[in-house]
């Protein structure tokens, strides 16, 4: 299984189209972790399984998306209703409830990934308004390939180029 996660484009439809055009046929699913600021009937959103973010006013997306794969379940949410700025504990409770293998979220505009009790927690960062240590990249998104023993995480910049320092092989524990 190989998936792509993007978040927080804040109305930038072109970047979502660019990402889709580059990765179409190379990943099994596209996930958007919220704050797209684009309605679900916008054609650029069609390939993305999308959740609502805190700035998606008047737009109808679910709070949580779940997708089952043979390797396990992917669950995404934006994160603003789960206090992701201060703790992963509320997301841990969601993971337990949903029995997720991968928990994707956005909201913080800062990329990050870690394995906690066998689940990969991943924030792709903001593709259009990044913050934190990697803001200098101008925006990021990520792919995750699941093997029998690892989560292979690769972050990309806005030009769909892999960022060498942001490639991780994390053990599935």
Protein backbone atom coordinates (compact mmCIF):
# COMPACT_ATOMS: atom_id res chain seq x y z
CA UNK A 1 0.00 0.00 0.00
CA UNK A 2 1.24 3.47 -0.85
CA UNK A 3 -0.73 6.59 0.03
CA UNK A 4 -0.26 10.34 -0.36
CA UNK A 5 -1.23 12.91 2.28
CA UNK A 6 -1.52 16.66 1.81
CA UNK A 7 -2.99 19.37 4.02
CA UNK A 8 -3.62 23.07 4.49
CA UNK A 9 -3.46 24.35 0.91
CA UNK A 10 -5.87 27.17 1.91
CA UNK A 11 -7.50 27.66 -1.48
CA UNK A 12 -4.50 26.91 -3.68
CA UNK A 13 -6.22 24.55 -6.15
CA UNK A 14 -3.33 24.51 -8.61
CA UNK A 15 -0.93 22.81 -6.19
CA UNK A 16 -3.45 20.01 -5.58
CA UNK A 17 -3.79 19.50 -9.33
CA UNK A 18 0.00 19.49 -9.76
CA UNK A 19 0.40 16.86 -7.04
CA UNK A 20 -2.37 14.71 -8.49
CA UNK A 21 -0.96 14.94 -12.02
CA UNK A 22 2.49 13.92 -10.77
CA UNK A 23 1.38 11.02 -8.54
CA UNK A 24 -1.66 9.66 -10.37
CA UNK A 25 -1.03 5.94 -10.87
CA UNK A 26 1.88 5.96 -8.40
CA UNK A 27 -0.13 5.81 -5.17
CA UNK A 28 -3.17 3.81 -4.09
CA UNK A 29 -5.04 6.73 -2.50
CA UNK A 30 -4.90 10.51 -2.07
CA UNK A 31 -5.85 11.98 1.32
CA UNK A 32 -6.39 15.64 2.19
CA UNK A 33 -6.14 16.45 5.92
CA UNK A 34 -8.27 19.60 5.81
CA UNK A 35 -8.24 23.35 5.27
CA UNK A 36 -8.53 22.95 1.52
CA UNK A 37 -10.90 25.93 1.40
CA UNK A 38 -12.32 24.32 -1.75
CA UNK A 39 -15.82 22.82 -2.05
CA UNK A 40 -16.25 19.11 -2.59
CA UNK A 41 -17.71 19.74 -6.05
CA UNK A 42 -14.51 21.44 -7.23
CA UNK A 43 -13.02 19.01 -9.79
CA UNK A 44 -9.54 19.30 -8.23
CA UNK A 45 -10.91 17.73 -5.02
CA UNK A 46 -12.38 14.65 -6.73
CA UNK A 47 -9.38 12.32 -6.24
CA UNK A 48 -8.79 13.40 -2.64
CA UNK A 49 -10.51 11.80 0.35
CA UNK A 50 -10.91 14.97 2.38
CA UNK A 51 -11.82 16.05 5.89
CA UNK A 52 -13.05 19.43 7.06
CA UNK A 53 -10.61 21.84 8.64
CA UNK A 54 -11.12 24.79 10.94
CA UNK A 55 -11.08 27.30 8.03
CA UNK A 56 -13.37 25.31 5.70
CA UNK A 57 -16.38 27.52 6.45
CA UNK A 58 -19.59 26.55 4.69
CA UNK A 59 -17.95 23.50 3.11
CA UNK A 60 -19.23 20.00 3.74
CA UNK A 61 -16.60 17.38 4.42
CA UNK A 62 -16.63 14.81 7.21
CA UNK A 63 -14.60 15.33 10.38
CA UNK A 64 -13.00 11.89 10.00
CA UNK A 65 -12.30 9.73 6.95
CA UNK A 66 -11.50 6.02 7.26
CA UNK A 67 -10.27 3.76 4.46
CA UNK A 68 -9.50 0.08 4.84
CA UNK A 69 -6.58 -1.50 2.98
CA UNK A 70 -5.34 -5.10 3.20
CA UNK A 71 -2.43 -3.84 5.35
CA UNK A 72 -4.70 -1.93 7.74
CA UNK A 73 -6.90 1.12 8.18
CA UNK A 74 -5.98 4.71 7.35
CA UNK A 75 -7.80 7.35 9.39
CA UNK A 76 -7.48 11.08 8.80
CA UNK A 77 -8.80 14.17 10.53
CA UNK A 78 -7.73 17.79 10.49
CA UNK A 79 -6.76 17.80 14.15
CA UNK A 80 -8.27 21.03 15.45
CA UNK A 81 -10.95 19.06 17.33
CA UNK A 82 -8.26 16.79 18.79
CA UNK A 83 -5.91 19.39 20.35
CA UNK A 84 -2.99 18.43 18.06
CA UNK A 85 -1.17 21.67 18.91
CA UNK A 86 -0.49 20.40 22.42
CA UNK A 87 -0.80 16.60 22.53
CA UNK A 88 -1.32 13.43 20.51
CA UNK A 89 -3.32 11.86 23.35
CA UNK A 90 -6.78 12.65 21.87
CA UNK A 91 -5.60 11.19 18.55
CA UNK A 92 -4.35 8.09 20.40
CA UNK A 93 -7.87 7.58 21.72
CA UNK A 94 -9.26 7.95 18.18
CA UNK A 95 -6.70 5.42 16.92
CA UNK A 96 -7.80 2.92 19.56
CA UNK A 97 -11.45 3.44 18.69
CA UNK A 98 -10.89 3.13 14.93
CA UNK A 99 -8.06 0.56 15.10
CA UNK A 100 -5.96 2.64 12.71
CA UNK A 101 -2.63 1.61 11.24
CA UNK A 102 -2.01 5.16 9.99
CA UNK A 103 -3.37 8.33 11.62
CA UNK A 104 -3.04 11.37 9.33
CA UNK A 105 -3.72 14.92 10.46
CA UNK A 106 -2.96 18.55 9.60
CA UNK A 107 -3.78 21.84 11.32
CA UNK A 108 -0.36 22.68 12.79
CA UNK A 109 1.24 23.47 9.40
CA UNK A 110 4.31 21.59 10.68
CA UNK A 111 5.35 18.23 9.31
CA UNK A 112 6.07 15.31 11.56
CA UNK A 113 5.86 11.54 11.79
CA UNK A 114 6.31 8.97 14.52
CA UNK A 115 5.20 5.46 15.36
CA UNK A 116 3.30 5.07 18.62
CA UNK A 117 2.16 1.60 19.69
CA UNK A 118 2.29 0.33 16.10
CA UNK A 119 0.43 3.24 14.52
CA UNK A 120 2.07 5.81 12.27
CA UNK A 121 1.06 9.34 13.22
CA UNK A 122 1.80 11.65 10.30
CA UNK A 123 1.31 15.31 9.55
CA UNK A 124 2.27 16.17 5.96
CA UNK A 125 2.79 19.80 6.90
CA UNK A 126 1.11 22.63 5.01
CA UNK A 127 1.57 22.62 1.26
CA UNK A 128 0.91 26.38 1.04
CA UNK A 129 1.55 28.00 4.44
CA UNK A 130 4.27 26.00 6.21
CA UNK A 131 5.52 26.76 9.69
CA UNK A 132 8.38 25.55 11.81
CA UNK A 133 11.81 24.21 11.00
CA UNK A 134 10.97 23.23 7.41
CA UNK A 135 9.00 26.34 6.44
CA UNK A 136 11.98 27.28 4.25
CA UNK A 137 10.88 24.54 1.83
CA UNK A 138 7.78 26.55 0.92
CA UNK A 139 5.37 23.70 1.63
CA UNK A 140 5.37 19.93 1.99
CA UNK A 141 3.27 16.82 1.49
CA UNK A 142 4.10 13.16 2.09
CA UNK A 143 3.80 9.63 0.81
CA UNK A 144 3.71 6.56 3.02
CA UNK A 145 4.46 3.08 1.75
CA UNK A 146 3.59 0.28 4.15
CA UNK A 147 5.70 -2.88 4.08
CA UNK A 148 5.43 -5.89 6.36
CA UNK A 149 8.01 -4.38 8.74
CA UNK A 150 8.19 -0.62 8.06
CA UNK A 151 6.46 2.61 7.22
CA UNK A 152 8.48 4.25 4.42
CA UNK A 153 7.78 7.99 4.69
CA UNK A 154 8.93 10.48 2.08
CA UNK A 155 8.22 14.21 2.23
CA UNK A 156 8.12 16.28 -0.96
CA UNK A 157 8.32 19.99 -1.77
CA UNK A 158 5.91 22.00 -3.92
CA UNK A 159 7.79 20.95 -7.05
CA UNK A 160 6.96 17.30 -6.24
CA UNK A 161 10.63 16.63 -5.57
CA UNK A 162 11.59 14.38 -2.65
CA UNK A 163 13.35 16.15 0.21
CA UNK A 164 16.34 13.92 0.98
CA UNK A 165 16.59 14.94 4.63
CA UNK A 166 12.91 14.07 5.10
CA UNK A 167 12.94 10.39 4.21
CA UNK A 168 12.22 7.99 7.05
CA UNK A 169 12.03 4.23 7.44
CA UNK A 170 10.09 3.67 10.65
CA UNK A 171 9.68 0.22 12.16
CA UNK A 172 6.17 -1.14 12.58
CA UNK A 173 6.26 -2.12 16.25
